Amino acid sequence: MSDNVVLGDRDKMTSGGRAPVASSDAWMRPAEEFRYLILAIQREGNRLFAADLRPLGVTPSQAEVLRVLREYQPLTLMGLGELLVCETTASPSRLVDRLVAQGLAARETDPGDRRFVTLSLTAAGTRLEKKIGAAEEKLYDTLDRLTTQEGIDQALTLLRTVASAFPAGHAVARRREHRPPAGRREPG
């Protein structure tokens, strides 16, 4: 009997509800499995996070904008775009337009140079962002329970290497390397 799991075949599942570990003669190339495991984890994490955000009335992408603004405000639209993972363009104007329309973010003319507009959170955006922070912490607690520090360290090394080849990976690196101003990074 093969160790490969056929989708929908619950008889081959272990008592813990997990599929058995694939044998060494698996037909999937390691790069393909790597890709699909990242996708699976991202989708499940996004699904869990979106479910916790739904009652707050924001999407994961909008939540990311609010969190980045909290940590780095005031920001120009371009500066915000350089720190976002959810947007592949440097101009997340549609996301910002929705948040401004909802009264969660504000656009202000830069007093030093009137050609520039800066973005910041409104009081309502700050209140909502704290709730978003709590939802993020819930997700991070789940991930902490599923991993070990050694495993995370090894995975981060590999993922940083791969991600550095892509624009979204650069956004994560910028956020990791550039600490927000003092007092803006306390949890949730």
N, C-alpha and C. Protein backbone atom coordinates (compact mmCIF):
# COMPACT_ATOMS: atom_id res chain seq x y z
N MET A 1 0.84 -1.19 0.00
CA MET A 1 0.00 0.00 0.00
C MET A 1 0.89 1.25 0.00
N SER A 2 0.57 2.20 -0.82
CA SER A 2 1.35 3.42 -0.97
C SER A 2 1.11 4.37 0.19
N ASP A 3 2.15 5.16 0.51
CA ASP A 3 2.02 6.19 1.54
C ASP A 3 1.38 7.46 0.99
N ASN A 4 1.23 7.56 -0.32
CA ASN A 4 0.65 8.77 -0.90
C ASN A 4 -0.81 8.89 -0.50
N VAL A 5 -1.23 10.09 -0.19
CA VAL A 5 -2.60 10.34 0.23
C VAL A 5 -3.43 10.78 -0.98
N VAL A 6 -4.53 10.12 -1.20
CA VAL A 6 -5.45 10.52 -2.24
C VAL A 6 -6.42 11.50 -1.63
N LEU A 7 -6.63 12.63 -2.30
CA LEU A 7 -7.54 13.62 -1.76
C LEU A 7 -8.89 13.00 -1.47
N GLY A 8 -9.41 13.27 -0.30
CA GLY A 8 -10.72 12.77 0.09
C GLY A 8 -10.68 11.39 0.71
N ASP A 9 -9.52 10.72 0.75
CA ASP A 9 -9.44 9.39 1.31
C ASP A 9 -9.13 9.50 2.80
N ARG A 10 -10.16 9.60 3.61
CA ARG A 10 -10.00 9.79 5.04
C ARG A 10 -9.50 8.53 5.74
N ASP A 11 -9.63 7.36 5.11
CA ASP A 11 -9.15 6.12 5.73
C ASP A 11 -7.65 6.12 5.91
N LYS A 12 -6.94 6.91 5.11
CA LYS A 12 -5.48 6.93 5.20
C LYS A 12 -4.97 8.01 6.14
N MET A 13 -5.86 8.73 6.79
CA MET A 13 -5.46 9.78 7.72
C MET A 13 -5.08 9.14 9.05
N THR A 14 -4.15 9.75 9.75
CA THR A 14 -3.77 9.27 11.07
C THR A 14 -4.85 9.64 12.06
N SER A 15 -4.79 9.10 13.26
CA SER A 15 -5.82 9.38 14.25
C SER A 15 -5.87 10.85 14.64
N GLY A 16 -4.78 11.58 14.47
CA GLY A 16 -4.75 13.01 14.78
C GLY A 16 -5.31 13.87 13.67
N GLY A 17 -5.80 13.25 12.60
CA GLY A 17 -6.37 14.02 11.51
C GLY A 17 -5.34 14.49 10.50
N ARG A 18 -4.08 14.06 10.64
CA ARG A 18 -3.04 14.49 9.72
C ARG A 18 -2.76 13.40 8.70
N ALA A 19 -2.35 13.80 7.53
CA ALA A 19 -1.95 12.84 6.51
C ALA A 19 -0.63 12.22 6.91
N PRO A 20 -0.40 10.96 6.54
CA PRO A 20 0.89 10.35 6.85
C PRO A 20 2.01 11.06 6.11
N VAL A 21 3.22 10.98 6.66
CA VAL A 21 4.37 11.61 6.04
C VAL A 21 4.68 10.89 4.74
N ALA A 22 4.97 11.66 3.71
CA ALA A 22 5.26 11.09 2.40
C ALA A 22 6.55 10.29 2.46
N SER A 23 6.62 9.23 1.70
CA SER A 23 7.83 8.41 1.66
C SER A 23 8.90 9.11 0.85
N SER A 24 10.12 8.59 0.92
CA SER A 24 11.24 9.20 0.22
C SER A 24 11.11 9.07 -1.29
N ASP A 25 10.25 8.20 -1.78
CA ASP A 25 10.07 8.06 -3.22
C ASP A 25 8.93 8.93 -3.75
N ALA A 26 8.62 10.01 -3.05
CA ALA A 26 7.54 10.92 -3.45
C ALA A 26 7.83 11.47 -4.84
N TRP A 27 6.78 11.67 -5.61
CA TRP A 27 6.94 12.14 -6.98
C TRP A 27 7.08 13.65 -7.09
N MET A 28 6.80 14.41 -6.03
CA MET A 28 6.85 15.87 -6.08
C MET A 28 8.29 16.35 -5.89
N ARG A 29 8.73 17.24 -6.76
CA ARG A 29 10.07 17.80 -6.58
C ARG A 29 10.09 18.71 -5.36
N PRO A 30 11.21 18.80 -4.69
CA PRO A 30 11.30 19.61 -3.47
C PRO A 30 10.89 21.08 -3.69
N ALA A 31 11.29 21.68 -4.81
CA ALA A 31 10.92 23.08 -5.06
C ALA A 31 9.41 23.23 -5.18
N GLU A 32 8.75 22.25 -5.79
CA GLU A 32 7.30 22.30 -5.93
C GLU A 32 6.62 22.17 -4.56
N GLU A 33 7.10 21.21 -3.77
CA GLU A 33 6.53 21.04 -2.44
C GLU A 33 6.76 22.30 -1.60
N PHE A 34 7.95 22.88 -1.69
CA PHE A 34 8.28 24.12 -0.97
C PHE A 34 7.28 25.21 -1.34
N ARG A 35 7.04 25.39 -2.64
CA ARG A 35 6.10 26.39 -3.11
C ARG A 35 4.70 26.16 -2.55
N TYR A 36 4.24 24.92 -2.64
CA TYR A 36 2.87 24.64 -2.19
C TYR A 36 2.73 24.68 -0.67
N LEU A 37 3.77 24.34 0.05
CA LEU A 37 3.70 24.46 1.51
C LEU A 37 3.62 25.93 1.93
N ILE A 38 4.40 26.79 1.27
CA ILE A 38 4.31 28.22 1.57
C ILE A 38 2.91 28.72 1.26
N LEU A 39 2.38 28.33 0.11
CA LEU A 39 1.04 28.74 -0.29
C LEU A 39 0.00 28.24 0.71
N ALA A 40 0.12 26.98 1.13
CA ALA A 40 -0.85 26.42 2.07
C ALA A 40 -0.82 27.16 3.41
N ILE A 41 0.36 27.42 3.91
CA ILE A 41 0.48 28.13 5.19
C ILE A 41 -0.04 29.56 5.05
N GLN A 42 0.29 30.21 3.95
CA GLN A 42 -0.18 31.58 3.73
C GLN A 42 -1.70 31.62 3.65
N ARG A 43 -2.27 30.69 2.91
CA ARG A 43 -3.74 30.69 2.77
C ARG A 43 -4.43 30.41 4.09
N GLU A 44 -3.93 29.45 4.83
CA GLU A 44 -4.56 29.13 6.12
C GLU A 44 -4.40 30.29 7.10
N GLY A 45 -3.21 30.88 7.14
CA GLY A 45 -3.00 32.03 8.01
C GLY A 45 -3.89 33.20 7.63
N ASN A 46 -4.00 33.45 6.33
CA ASN A 46 -4.86 34.54 5.86
C ASN A 46 -6.32 34.25 6.17
N ARG A 47 -6.73 32.99 6.02
CA ARG A 47 -8.11 32.61 6.33
C ARG A 47 -8.42 32.85 7.80
N LEU A 48 -7.52 32.42 8.69
CA LEU A 48 -7.72 32.63 10.13
C LEU A 48 -7.75 34.12 10.47
N PHE A 49 -6.81 34.85 9.90
CA PHE A 49 -6.72 36.29 10.17
C PHE A 49 -7.95 37.02 9.63
N ALA A 50 -8.37 36.70 8.40
CA ALA A 50 -9.54 37.34 7.81
C ALA A 50 -10.79 37.08 8.64
N ALA A 51 -10.91 35.87 9.19
CA ALA A 51 -12.08 35.55 10.02
C ALA A 51 -12.11 36.42 11.27
N ASP A 52 -10.94 36.69 11.85
CA ASP A 52 -10.88 37.55 13.04
C ASP A 52 -11.07 39.02 12.69
N LEU A 53 -10.75 39.41 11.45
CA LEU A 53 -10.91 40.79 11.02
C LEU A 53 -12.33 41.10 10.55
N ARG A 54 -13.04 40.08 10.08
CA ARG A 54 -14.38 40.29 9.52
C ARG A 54 -15.29 41.11 10.44
N PRO A 55 -15.36 40.79 11.74
CA PRO A 55 -16.22 41.60 12.62
C PRO A 55 -15.76 43.06 12.75
N LEU A 56 -14.49 43.31 12.41
CA LEU A 56 -13.96 44.67 12.49
C LEU A 56 -14.23 45.46 11.22
N GLY A 57 -14.66 44.77 10.16
CA GLY A 57 -15.00 45.44 8.91
C GLY A 57 -13.82 45.80 8.03
N VAL A 58 -12.68 45.11 8.19
CA VAL A 58 -11.52 45.37 7.34
C VAL A 58 -10.99 44.06 6.77
N THR A 59 -10.27 44.19 5.67
CA THR A 59 -9.62 43.05 5.04
C THR A 59 -8.19 42.93 5.57
N PRO A 60 -7.54 41.79 5.35
CA PRO A 60 -6.13 41.69 5.75
C PRO A 60 -5.24 42.76 5.11
N SER A 61 -5.51 43.13 3.86
CA SER A 61 -4.71 44.18 3.21
C SER A 61 -4.93 45.53 3.88
N GLN A 62 -6.17 45.86 4.19
CA GLN A 62 -6.45 47.12 4.89
C GLN A 62 -5.82 47.11 6.28
N ALA A 63 -5.86 45.95 6.93
CA ALA A 63 -5.25 45.83 8.26
C ALA A 63 -3.75 46.08 8.19
N GLU A 64 -3.11 45.57 7.13
CA GLU A 64 -1.67 45.79 6.99
C GLU A 64 -1.37 47.27 6.83
N VAL A 65 -2.15 47.98 6.05
CA VAL A 65 -1.95 49.42 5.87
C VAL A 65 -2.07 50.13 7.22
N LEU A 66 -3.10 49.81 7.99
CA LEU A 66 -3.29 50.46 9.29
C LEU A 66 -2.14 50.15 10.24
N ARG A 67 -1.66 48.90 10.24
CA ARG A 67 -0.53 48.54 11.11
C ARG A 67 0.74 49.28 10.70
N VAL A 68 1.01 49.35 9.39
CA VAL A 68 2.21 50.05 8.93
C VAL A 68 2.11 51.54 9.25
N LEU A 69 0.94 52.14 9.04
CA LEU A 69 0.78 53.55 9.38
C LEU A 69 1.02 53.78 10.87
N ARG A 70 0.50 52.89 11.69
CA ARG A 70 0.69 53.06 13.14
C ARG A 70 2.18 53.08 13.48
N GLU A 71 2.93 52.21 12.86
CA GLU A 71 4.34 52.08 13.20
C GLU A 71 5.22 53.15 12.58
N TYR A 72 4.86 53.66 11.40
CA TYR A 72 5.78 54.53 10.67
C TYR A 72 5.20 55.90 10.30
N GLN A 73 3.98 56.21 10.70
CA GLN A 73 3.36 57.47 10.29
C GLN A 73 4.15 58.68 10.79
N PRO A 74 4.06 59.78 10.08
CA PRO A 74 3.37 59.98 8.81
C PRO A 74 4.20 59.41 7.67
N LEU A 75 3.52 58.95 6.64
CA LEU A 75 4.17 58.38 5.45
C LEU A 75 3.57 58.98 4.20
N THR A 76 4.38 59.09 3.17
CA THR A 76 3.84 59.42 1.85
C THR A 76 3.22 58.15 1.29
N LEU A 77 2.45 58.28 0.24
CA LEU A 77 1.86 57.12 -0.40
C LEU A 77 2.96 56.19 -0.92
N MET A 78 4.00 56.75 -1.49
CA MET A 78 5.11 55.95 -1.98
C MET A 78 5.83 55.26 -0.82
N GLY A 79 6.04 55.98 0.26
CA GLY A 79 6.70 55.39 1.43
C GLY A 79 5.89 54.24 2.00
N LEU A 80 4.58 54.39 2.04
CA LEU A 80 3.71 53.32 2.49
C LEU A 80 3.83 52.11 1.56
N GLY A 81 3.78 52.37 0.25
CA GLY A 81 3.87 51.29 -0.72
C GLY A 81 5.15 50.49 -0.60
N GLU A 82 6.24 51.15 -0.23
CA GLU A 82 7.52 50.46 -0.08
C GLU A 82 7.56 49.53 1.13
N LEU A 83 6.62 49.68 2.06
CA LEU A 83 6.61 48.87 3.27
C LEU A 83 5.52 47.80 3.26
N LEU A 84 4.67 47.78 2.24
CA LEU A 84 3.56 46.83 2.20
C LEU A 84 3.93 45.55 1.46
N VAL A 85 3.43 44.45 1.98
CA VAL A 85 3.58 43.16 1.33
C VAL A 85 2.33 42.86 0.50
N CYS A 86 1.19 43.37 0.93
CA CYS A 86 -0.09 43.06 0.27
C CYS A 86 -0.23 43.69 -1.10
N GLU A 87 0.55 44.70 -1.42
CA GLU A 87 0.46 45.38 -2.71
C GLU A 87 1.77 45.20 -3.45
N THR A 88 1.69 44.83 -4.72
CA THR A 88 2.90 44.66 -5.50
C THR A 88 3.34 45.94 -6.19
N THR A 89 2.49 46.94 -6.19
CA THR A 89 2.88 48.24 -6.77
C THR A 89 3.32 49.15 -5.64
N ALA A 90 4.04 50.19 -5.98
CA ALA A 90 4.51 51.13 -4.96
C ALA A 90 3.44 52.15 -4.59
N SER A 91 2.26 52.07 -5.19
CA SER A 91 1.21 53.05 -4.92
C SER A 91 -0.10 52.36 -4.52
N PRO A 92 -0.31 52.18 -3.25
CA PRO A 92 -1.53 51.51 -2.78
C PRO A 92 -2.71 52.48 -2.66
N SER A 93 -2.91 53.30 -3.67
CA SER A 93 -3.89 54.38 -3.57
C SER A 93 -5.31 53.90 -3.35
N ARG A 94 -5.72 52.79 -3.98
CA ARG A 94 -7.10 52.33 -3.77
C ARG A 94 -7.33 51.88 -2.33
N LEU A 95 -6.36 51.18 -1.76
CA LEU A 95 -6.49 50.78 -0.35
C LEU A 95 -6.61 52.02 0.54
N VAL A 96 -5.76 52.99 0.30
CA VAL A 96 -5.77 54.21 1.12
C VAL A 96 -7.07 54.97 0.90
N ASP A 97 -7.55 55.05 -0.34
CA ASP A 97 -8.81 55.75 -0.61
C ASP A 97 -9.94 55.18 0.25
N ARG A 98 -10.01 53.84 0.32
CA ARG A 98 -11.07 53.20 1.12
C ARG A 98 -10.93 53.53 2.60
N LEU A 99 -9.70 53.52 3.09
CA LEU A 99 -9.48 53.80 4.51
C LEU A 99 -9.78 55.26 4.85
N VAL A 100 -9.46 56.16 3.92
CA VAL A 100 -9.79 57.58 4.12
C VAL A 100 -11.31 57.75 4.12
N ALA A 101 -11.98 57.10 3.17
CA ALA A 101 -13.45 57.20 3.08
C ALA A 101 -14.12 56.65 4.33
N GLN A 102 -13.51 55.65 4.96
CA GLN A 102 -14.05 55.07 6.20
C GLN A 102 -13.68 55.89 7.42
N GLY A 103 -12.88 56.93 7.25
CA GLY A 103 -12.48 57.76 8.38
C GLY A 103 -11.40 57.14 9.24
N LEU A 104 -10.64 56.19 8.69
CA LEU A 104 -9.61 55.49 9.46
C LEU A 104 -8.21 56.04 9.21
N ALA A 105 -8.03 56.70 8.06
CA ALA A 105 -6.75 57.31 7.73
C ALA A 105 -7.03 58.72 7.22
N ALA A 106 -6.02 59.58 7.33
CA ALA A 106 -6.15 60.97 6.89
C ALA A 106 -5.01 61.32 5.95
N ARG A 107 -5.33 62.12 4.95
CA ARG A 107 -4.32 62.69 4.04
C ARG A 107 -4.09 64.13 4.47
N GLU A 108 -2.82 64.49 4.61
CA GLU A 108 -2.49 65.86 5.00
C GLU A 108 -1.38 66.38 4.10
N THR A 109 -1.48 67.63 3.74
CA THR A 109 -0.43 68.26 2.95
C THR A 109 0.79 68.45 3.83
N ASP A 110 1.95 68.05 3.34
CA ASP A 110 3.20 68.19 4.08
C ASP A 110 3.52 69.68 4.22
N PRO A 111 3.64 70.18 5.47
CA PRO A 111 3.91 71.61 5.65
C PRO A 111 5.26 72.03 5.09
N GLY A 112 6.21 71.09 5.00
CA GLY A 112 7.54 71.41 4.47
C GLY A 112 7.57 71.47 2.96
N ASP A 113 6.69 70.77 2.30
CA ASP A 113 6.65 70.75 0.85
C ASP A 113 5.23 70.43 0.41
N ARG A 114 4.50 71.42 -0.03
CA ARG A 114 3.08 71.28 -0.33
C ARG A 114 2.79 70.33 -1.49
N ARG A 115 3.84 69.89 -2.21
CA ARG A 115 3.63 68.93 -3.28
C ARG A 115 3.41 67.53 -2.73
N PHE A 116 3.80 67.31 -1.50
CA PHE A 116 3.70 65.98 -0.89
C PHE A 116 2.51 65.89 0.04
N VAL A 117 1.87 64.74 0.01
CA VAL A 117 0.76 64.45 0.91
C VAL A 117 1.22 63.32 1.82
N THR A 118 0.98 63.49 3.11
CA THR A 118 1.34 62.42 4.05
C THR A 118 0.07 61.76 4.57
N LEU A 119 0.25 60.53 4.97
CA LEU A 119 -0.85 59.71 5.50
C LEU A 119 -0.60 59.41 6.96
N SER A 120 -1.68 59.41 7.71
CA SER A 120 -1.59 59.04 9.12
C SER A 120 -2.94 58.47 9.56
N LEU A 121 -2.94 57.86 10.72
CA LEU A 121 -4.18 57.30 11.26
C LEU A 121 -5.02 58.40 11.90
N THR A 122 -6.31 58.26 11.80
CA THR A 122 -7.23 59.11 12.55
C THR A 122 -7.41 58.47 13.93
N ALA A 123 -8.14 59.12 14.81
CA ALA A 123 -8.42 58.53 16.12
C ALA A 123 -9.17 57.21 15.96
N ALA A 124 -10.12 57.16 15.02
CA ALA A 124 -10.87 55.92 14.77
C ALA A 124 -9.94 54.84 14.23
N GLY A 125 -9.01 55.24 13.36
CA GLY A 125 -8.05 54.28 12.82
C GLY A 125 -7.13 53.73 13.90
N THR A 126 -6.73 54.57 14.82
CA THR A 126 -5.89 54.13 15.94
C THR A 126 -6.63 53.13 16.82
N ARG A 127 -7.90 53.40 17.11
CA ARG A 127 -8.69 52.47 17.92
C ARG A 127 -8.85 51.12 17.21
N LEU A 128 -9.14 51.17 15.93
CA LEU A 128 -9.32 49.94 15.16
C LEU A 128 -8.00 49.18 15.05
N GLU A 129 -6.93 49.89 14.85
CA GLU A 129 -5.62 49.25 14.71
C GLU A 129 -5.26 48.45 15.96
N LYS A 130 -5.65 48.92 17.13
CA LYS A 130 -5.38 48.16 18.36
C LYS A 130 -6.11 46.83 18.34
N LYS A 131 -7.32 46.81 17.81
CA LYS A 131 -8.08 45.56 17.69
C LYS A 131 -7.43 44.65 16.64
N ILE A 132 -6.92 45.24 15.58
CA ILE A 132 -6.21 44.47 14.56
C ILE A 132 -4.96 43.85 15.17
N GLY A 133 -4.27 44.61 16.00
CA GLY A 133 -3.08 44.09 16.69
C GLY A 133 -3.41 42.88 17.54
N ALA A 134 -4.55 42.90 18.19
CA ALA A 134 -4.98 41.75 19.00
C ALA A 134 -5.24 40.53 18.10
N ALA A 135 -5.83 40.75 16.93
CA ALA A 135 -6.08 39.66 15.99
C ALA A 135 -4.76 39.09 15.47
N GLU A 136 -3.79 39.97 15.19
CA GLU A 136 -2.47 39.50 14.76
C GLU A 136 -1.81 38.67 15.85
N GLU A 137 -1.88 39.13 17.08
CA GLU A 137 -1.27 38.40 18.19
C GLU A 137 -1.88 37.01 18.33
N LYS A 138 -3.18 36.90 18.11
CA LYS A 138 -3.85 35.59 18.16
C LYS A 138 -3.27 34.66 17.11
N LEU A 139 -3.06 35.17 15.90
CA LEU A 139 -2.47 34.38 14.83
C LEU A 139 -1.03 33.99 15.18
N TYR A 140 -0.26 34.94 15.69
CA TYR A 140 1.13 34.65 16.06
C TYR A 140 1.21 33.63 17.19
N ASP A 141 0.28 33.69 18.13
CA ASP A 141 0.24 32.69 19.20
C ASP A 141 -0.01 31.29 18.64
N THR A 142 -0.89 31.21 17.64
CA THR A 142 -1.14 29.92 16.98
C THR A 142 0.13 29.41 16.32
N LEU A 143 0.82 30.28 15.59
CA LEU A 143 2.07 29.88 14.94
C LEU A 143 3.13 29.49 15.96
N ASP A 144 3.21 30.21 17.07
CA ASP A 144 4.17 29.87 18.12
C ASP A 144 3.92 28.47 18.66
N ARG A 145 2.65 28.10 18.82
CA ARG A 145 2.32 26.76 19.33
C ARG A 145 2.69 25.66 18.34
N LEU A 146 2.71 25.97 17.06
CA LEU A 146 2.99 24.98 16.02
C LEU A 146 4.47 24.84 15.67
N THR A 147 5.31 25.69 16.23
CA THR A 147 6.72 25.72 15.84
C THR A 147 7.63 25.73 17.06
N THR A 148 8.91 25.56 16.78
CA THR A 148 9.95 25.74 17.79
C THR A 148 10.82 26.92 17.38
N GLN A 149 11.54 27.51 18.31
CA GLN A 149 12.40 28.64 17.96
C GLN A 149 13.47 28.21 16.97
N GLU A 150 14.05 27.04 17.17
CA GLU A 150 15.08 26.55 16.25
C GLU A 150 14.50 26.37 14.84
N GLY A 151 13.31 25.80 14.76
CA GLY A 151 12.68 25.61 13.46
C GLY A 151 12.36 26.93 12.78
N ILE A 152 11.87 27.89 13.55
CA ILE A 152 11.58 29.21 13.00
C ILE A 152 12.85 29.88 12.49
N ASP A 153 13.93 29.81 13.28
CA ASP A 153 15.19 30.43 12.87
C ASP A 153 15.69 29.85 11.55
N GLN A 154 15.63 28.54 11.41
CA GLN A 154 16.06 27.88 10.17
C GLN A 154 15.15 28.26 9.01
N ALA A 155 13.85 28.25 9.25
CA ALA A 155 12.90 28.61 8.19
C ALA A 155 13.08 30.06 7.76
N LEU A 156 13.29 30.96 8.72
CA LEU A 156 13.47 32.37 8.38
C LEU A 156 14.71 32.58 7.52
N THR A 157 15.79 31.88 7.84
CA THR A 157 17.01 32.00 7.03
C THR A 157 16.73 31.61 5.58
N LEU A 158 16.08 30.49 5.39
CA LEU A 158 15.76 30.03 4.05
C LEU A 158 14.77 30.97 3.36
N LEU A 159 13.70 31.34 4.05
CA LEU A 159 12.68 32.19 3.44
C LEU A 159 13.22 33.58 3.10
N ARG A 160 14.09 34.13 3.94
CA ARG A 160 14.68 35.44 3.64
C ARG A 160 15.54 35.37 2.38
N THR A 161 16.27 34.28 2.22
CA THR A 161 17.09 34.10 1.02
C THR A 161 16.22 34.07 -0.23
N VAL A 162 15.16 33.29 -0.20
CA VAL A 162 14.28 33.18 -1.36
C VAL A 162 13.53 34.50 -1.57
N ALA A 163 12.97 35.07 -0.51
CA ALA A 163 12.17 36.29 -0.63
C ALA A 163 12.98 37.47 -1.13
N SER A 164 14.27 37.48 -0.89
CA SER A 164 15.10 38.62 -1.31
C SER A 164 15.12 38.79 -2.82
N ALA A 165 14.66 37.80 -3.56
CA ALA A 165 14.62 37.89 -5.02
C ALA A 165 13.35 38.57 -5.53
N PHE A 166 12.45 38.95 -4.62
CA PHE A 166 11.14 39.46 -5.03
C PHE A 166 10.81 40.78 -4.34
N PRO A 167 10.01 41.65 -5.00
CA PRO A 167 9.65 42.94 -4.39
C PRO A 167 8.97 42.80 -3.02
N ALA A 168 8.05 41.86 -2.85
CA ALA A 168 7.38 41.71 -1.56
C ALA A 168 8.38 41.33 -0.47
N GLY A 169 9.38 40.55 -0.84
CA GLY A 169 10.44 40.20 0.11
C GLY A 169 11.24 41.42 0.52
N HIS A 170 11.43 42.35 -0.43
CA HIS A 170 12.13 43.60 -0.11
C HIS A 170 11.33 44.43 0.88
N ALA A 171 10.01 44.43 0.74
CA ALA A 171 9.17 45.19 1.68
C ALA A 171 9.31 44.62 3.09
N VAL A 172 9.32 43.30 3.21
CA VAL A 172 9.49 42.68 4.53
C VAL A 172 10.86 43.05 5.09
N ALA A 173 11.90 43.00 4.26
CA ALA A 173 13.25 43.34 4.72
C ALA A 173 13.31 44.79 5.19
N ARG A 174 12.68 45.70 4.45
CA ARG A 174 12.68 47.12 4.88
C ARG A 174 12.01 47.27 6.24
N ARG A 175 10.90 46.58 6.45
CA ARG A 175 10.21 46.68 7.74
C ARG A 175 11.04 46.05 8.85
N ARG A 176 11.74 44.98 8.56
CA ARG A 176 12.56 44.32 9.57
C ARG A 176 13.78 45.18 9.92
N GLU A 177 14.36 45.81 8.92
CA GLU A 177 15.62 46.55 9.11
C GLU A 177 15.42 47.97 9.64
N HIS A 178 14.27 48.56 9.37
CA HIS A 178 14.04 49.95 9.79
C HIS A 178 13.03 49.97 10.91
N ARG A 179 13.55 50.11 12.10
CA ARG A 179 12.67 50.13 13.28
C ARG A 179 11.76 51.35 13.22
N PRO A 180 10.53 51.17 13.66
CA PRO A 180 9.63 52.33 13.73
C PRO A 180 10.09 53.27 14.82
N PRO A 181 9.65 54.52 14.77
CA PRO A 181 9.99 55.48 15.82
C PRO A 181 9.64 54.93 17.20
N ALA A 182 10.37 55.34 18.20
CA ALA A 182 10.18 54.86 19.57
C ALA A 182 8.73 54.95 20.00
N GLY A 183 8.26 53.91 20.69
CA GLY A 183 6.93 53.90 21.25
C GLY A 183 5.84 53.45 20.31
N ARG A 184 6.18 53.10 19.08
CA ARG A 184 5.13 52.74 18.13
C ARG A 184 5.01 51.25 17.90
N ARG A 185 5.87 50.44 18.48
CA ARG A 185 5.86 49.02 18.16
C ARG A 185 5.37 48.12 19.30
N GLU A 186 4.83 48.69 20.34
CA GLU A 186 4.33 47.84 21.42
C GLU A 186 3.20 46.96 20.89
N PRO A 187 3.09 45.71 21.38
CA PRO A 187 2.09 44.78 20.86
C PRO A 187 0.67 45.31 21.02
N GLY A 188 -0.17 44.91 20.02
CA GLY A 188 -1.60 45.12 19.97
C GLY A 188 -2.12 46.17 20.82
